[in-house]
Amino acid sequence: KTQRHFDFIVRASDKGRDILDALVGYSRLINTEIYKTDVSCSRIVKDVMEELSTTIKQSNATIITTELPVVVGDSSLLHKLFSHLIHNAIHYRNSDRSPEISITATELDKHWKICISDNGIGFRDKIAEDLFIALRRDVNERKYSGTGMGLTIARSIVQRHNGTIWANSVRGTGSEFCFTLGK
């Protein structure tokens, strides 16, 4: 019984450390200066896919992407944005099927709309806005690890680029995360 209690304390301490690290990272992110240049979103997605190649292989994920735009933005922040969203699309997968992820871009008047869609577990549509709040999650902690900071970071990055981000989902069918970036 003592060993179980000790294991619980260690797991809770590890979780607390992970949350604290995520909060410190978020604080640094929102306080760093942005260095905008021309950034190829296609290049960033290719780099993110290389970084996640082991996870992609292990999950047997398929990622299809259309031609993505060149935008004016901070390359490292946009890299974090795509990394969080693509990682989530793989991580929150339905155990009955391999992840299928689609990344598309649509040109609007003054913005690009970029969407990352998946066939994962989805979420309750009524909590879509809450997912972007720090430490909020809509999943079983034991089944899906995480700190609840990824989408908070994603929103901050998009807002720092004068864009918006939103999510749509059908629970059990998949999710779509879309954001806008200025041309």
Protein backbone atom coordinates (compact mmCIF):
# COMPACT_ATOMS: atom_id res chain seq x y z
CA LYS A 1 0.00 0.00 0.00
CA THR A 2 2.85 2.36 0.80
CA GLN A 3 4.47 1.61 -2.57
CA ARG A 4 1.20 2.50 -4.38
CA HIS A 5 1.02 5.78 -2.47
CA PHE A 6 4.64 6.54 -3.26
CA ASP A 7 4.07 5.76 -6.96
CA PHE A 8 1.06 8.09 -6.95
CA ILE A 9 3.13 10.89 -5.41
CA VAL A 10 5.91 10.41 -7.99
CA ARG A 11 3.44 10.44 -10.91
CA ALA A 12 1.72 13.56 -9.56
CA SER A 13 5.08 15.27 -9.08
CA ASP A 14 6.11 14.42 -12.64
CA LYS A 15 2.80 15.78 -13.95
CA GLY A 16 3.21 18.94 -11.89
CA ARG A 17 6.75 19.44 -13.26
CA ASP A 18 5.51 18.96 -16.82
CA ILE A 19 2.76 21.55 -16.28
CA LEU A 20 5.20 24.00 -14.71
CA ASP A 21 7.65 23.54 -17.60
CA ALA A 22 4.82 24.13 -20.09
CA LEU A 23 3.70 27.28 -18.27
CA VAL A 24 7.27 28.64 -18.19
CA GLY A 25 7.60 27.90 -21.92
CA TYR A 26 4.32 29.66 -22.59
CA SER A 27 5.43 32.68 -20.57
CA ARG A 28 8.63 32.90 -22.60
CA LEU A 29 6.69 32.53 -25.82
CA ILE A 30 4.30 35.40 -25.17
CA ASN A 31 7.13 37.68 -24.07
CA THR A 32 9.62 37.07 -26.89
CA GLU A 33 9.99 39.44 -29.77
CA ILE A 34 8.72 38.33 -33.16
CA TYR A 35 11.11 38.38 -36.12
CA LYS A 36 9.02 38.31 -39.27
CA THR A 37 10.34 37.11 -42.61
CA ASP A 38 8.88 35.28 -45.60
CA VAL A 39 8.10 31.79 -44.36
CA SER A 40 7.13 28.78 -46.47
CA CYS A 41 4.39 26.88 -44.64
CA SER A 42 5.07 23.89 -46.93
CA ARG A 43 8.70 23.85 -45.76
CA ILE A 44 7.66 24.08 -42.11
CA VAL A 45 5.20 21.18 -42.47
CA LYS A 46 7.90 19.10 -44.16
CA ASP A 47 10.31 19.83 -41.26
CA VAL A 48 7.65 19.01 -38.65
CA MET A 49 6.85 15.73 -40.42
CA GLU A 50 10.56 14.82 -40.35
CA GLU A 51 10.71 15.59 -36.62
CA LEU A 52 7.59 13.50 -35.99
CA SER A 53 8.62 10.70 -38.38
CA THR A 54 8.93 8.08 -35.62
CA THR A 55 5.50 8.96 -34.22
CA ILE A 56 4.03 8.99 -37.74
CA LYS A 57 5.45 5.51 -38.45
CA GLN A 58 4.43 4.04 -35.10
CA SER A 59 0.85 5.26 -35.50
CA ASN A 60 0.73 4.36 -39.22
CA ALA A 61 -0.46 7.92 -39.90
CA THR A 62 -1.14 9.28 -43.36
CA ILE A 63 -0.63 13.01 -43.84
CA ILE A 64 -1.84 14.65 -47.04
CA THR A 65 -1.06 18.28 -47.69
CA THR A 66 -1.94 20.67 -50.47
CA GLU A 67 0.40 23.43 -51.58
CA LEU A 68 0.71 25.76 -48.63
CA PRO A 69 1.42 29.48 -48.87
CA VAL A 70 4.41 31.64 -48.11
CA VAL A 71 3.43 34.02 -45.33
CA VAL A 72 5.13 36.81 -43.44
CA GLY A 73 5.76 35.57 -39.92
CA ASP A 74 8.18 34.30 -37.33
CA SER A 75 9.55 31.01 -38.62
CA SER A 76 10.23 29.43 -35.22
CA LEU A 77 6.80 30.36 -33.85
CA LEU A 78 5.01 29.08 -36.94
CA HIS A 79 7.04 25.89 -36.63
CA LYS A 80 5.73 25.47 -33.04
CA LEU A 81 2.18 26.14 -34.27
CA PHE A 82 2.24 23.44 -36.94
CA SER A 83 4.11 21.06 -34.64
CA HIS A 84 1.48 21.30 -31.89
CA LEU A 85 -1.45 20.90 -34.27
CA ILE A 86 0.02 18.01 -36.27
CA HIS A 87 1.18 16.25 -33.10
CA ASN A 88 -2.31 16.57 -31.61
CA ALA A 89 -3.88 15.16 -34.79
CA ILE A 90 -1.70 12.06 -34.40
CA HIS A 91 -1.79 11.81 -30.59
CA TYR A 92 -5.58 12.03 -30.16
CA ARG A 93 -6.27 9.22 -32.57
CA ASN A 94 -9.03 6.67 -32.47
CA SER A 95 -7.60 3.28 -31.49
CA ASP A 96 -9.77 1.57 -34.14
CA ARG A 97 -8.11 3.24 -37.12
CA SER A 98 -4.87 4.77 -38.34
CA PRO A 99 -4.67 8.56 -38.26
CA GLU A 100 -5.54 10.33 -41.51
CA ILE A 101 -4.55 13.99 -41.49
CA SER A 102 -5.22 16.60 -44.13
CA ILE A 103 -3.54 20.01 -44.27
CA THR A 104 -5.11 22.53 -46.64
CA ALA A 105 -4.89 26.23 -47.38
CA THR A 106 -7.54 28.55 -48.81
CA GLU A 107 -6.80 32.05 -50.03
CA LEU A 108 -9.14 34.71 -48.66
CA ASP A 109 -9.17 38.47 -49.34
CA LYS A 110 -6.55 39.49 -46.78
CA HIS A 111 -5.63 36.18 -45.17
CA TRP A 112 -4.79 32.58 -45.74
CA LYS A 113 -7.01 30.06 -43.97
CA ILE A 114 -5.09 26.90 -43.08
CA CYS A 115 -6.91 23.83 -41.75
CA ILE A 116 -5.56 20.65 -40.20
CA SER A 117 -8.23 17.93 -40.20
CA ASP A 118 -8.05 14.45 -38.73
CA ASN A 119 -10.13 11.32 -38.18
CA GLY A 120 -9.28 11.12 -34.47
CA ILE A 121 -11.38 11.00 -31.32
CA GLY A 122 -12.79 14.49 -31.70
CA PHE A 123 -14.26 16.45 -28.82
CA ARG A 124 -17.57 17.72 -27.57
CA ASP A 125 -18.43 20.62 -29.88
CA LYS A 126 -19.74 22.74 -27.00
CA ILE A 127 -16.26 22.91 -25.45
CA ALA A 128 -14.40 23.94 -28.64
CA GLU A 129 -13.55 27.37 -27.28
CA ASP A 130 -12.46 25.97 -23.88
CA LEU A 131 -9.78 23.80 -25.50
CA PHE A 132 -7.70 26.94 -26.08
CA ILE A 133 -7.67 27.83 -22.37
CA ALA A 134 -4.54 26.83 -20.45
CA LEU A 135 -4.69 23.41 -18.78
CA ARG A 136 -8.16 22.55 -20.19
CA ARG A 137 -8.54 19.11 -21.71
CA ASP A 138 -11.44 16.93 -22.86
CA VAL A 139 -9.77 13.53 -22.67
CA ASN A 140 -9.09 10.70 -20.27
CA GLU A 141 -5.78 11.55 -18.54
CA ARG A 142 -4.74 7.90 -18.35
CA LYS A 143 -5.29 7.26 -22.03
CA TYR A 144 -3.97 10.53 -23.49
CA SER A 145 -0.97 12.19 -21.88
CA GLY A 146 -0.44 15.94 -22.04
CA THR A 147 -0.47 19.20 -20.13
CA GLY A 148 -3.32 21.08 -21.78
CA MET A 149 -0.99 23.80 -23.07
CA GLY A 150 -0.54 22.92 -26.76
CA LEU A 151 -3.67 24.67 -28.04
CA THR A 152 -3.09 27.62 -25.70
CA ILE A 153 0.34 28.04 -27.26
CA ALA A 154 -1.13 27.62 -30.76
CA ARG A 155 -3.70 30.35 -30.12
CA SER A 156 -1.05 32.71 -28.76
CA ILE A 157 1.13 32.20 -31.84
CA VAL A 158 -1.77 32.83 -34.22
CA GLN A 159 -2.84 35.94 -32.30
CA ARG A 160 0.72 37.27 -32.35
CA HIS A 161 0.49 36.96 -36.14
CA ASN A 162 -2.81 38.92 -36.15
CA GLY A 163 -4.84 35.84 -37.00
CA THR A 164 -7.60 33.79 -35.45
CA ILE A 165 -7.87 30.09 -34.64
CA TRP A 166 -10.91 27.90 -34.10
CA ALA A 167 -11.91 24.26 -33.97
CA ASN A 168 -14.78 22.09 -35.17
CA SER A 169 -15.41 18.49 -34.30
CA VAL A 170 -17.74 15.56 -34.29
CA ARG A 171 -16.92 13.41 -31.26
CA GLY A 172 -15.63 10.03 -32.36
CA THR A 173 -15.24 11.13 -35.99
CA GLY A 174 -12.45 13.71 -35.97
CA SER A 175 -11.50 17.33 -35.59
CA GLU A 176 -10.59 20.29 -37.73
CA PHE A 177 -8.38 23.11 -36.44
CA CYS A 178 -8.30 26.17 -38.69
CA PHE A 179 -6.40 29.41 -38.37
CA THR A 180 -5.78 32.52 -40.42
CA LEU A 181 -2.49 34.21 -41.22
CA GLY A 182 -2.12 37.50 -43.05
CA LYS A 183 -0.89 37.47 -46.61
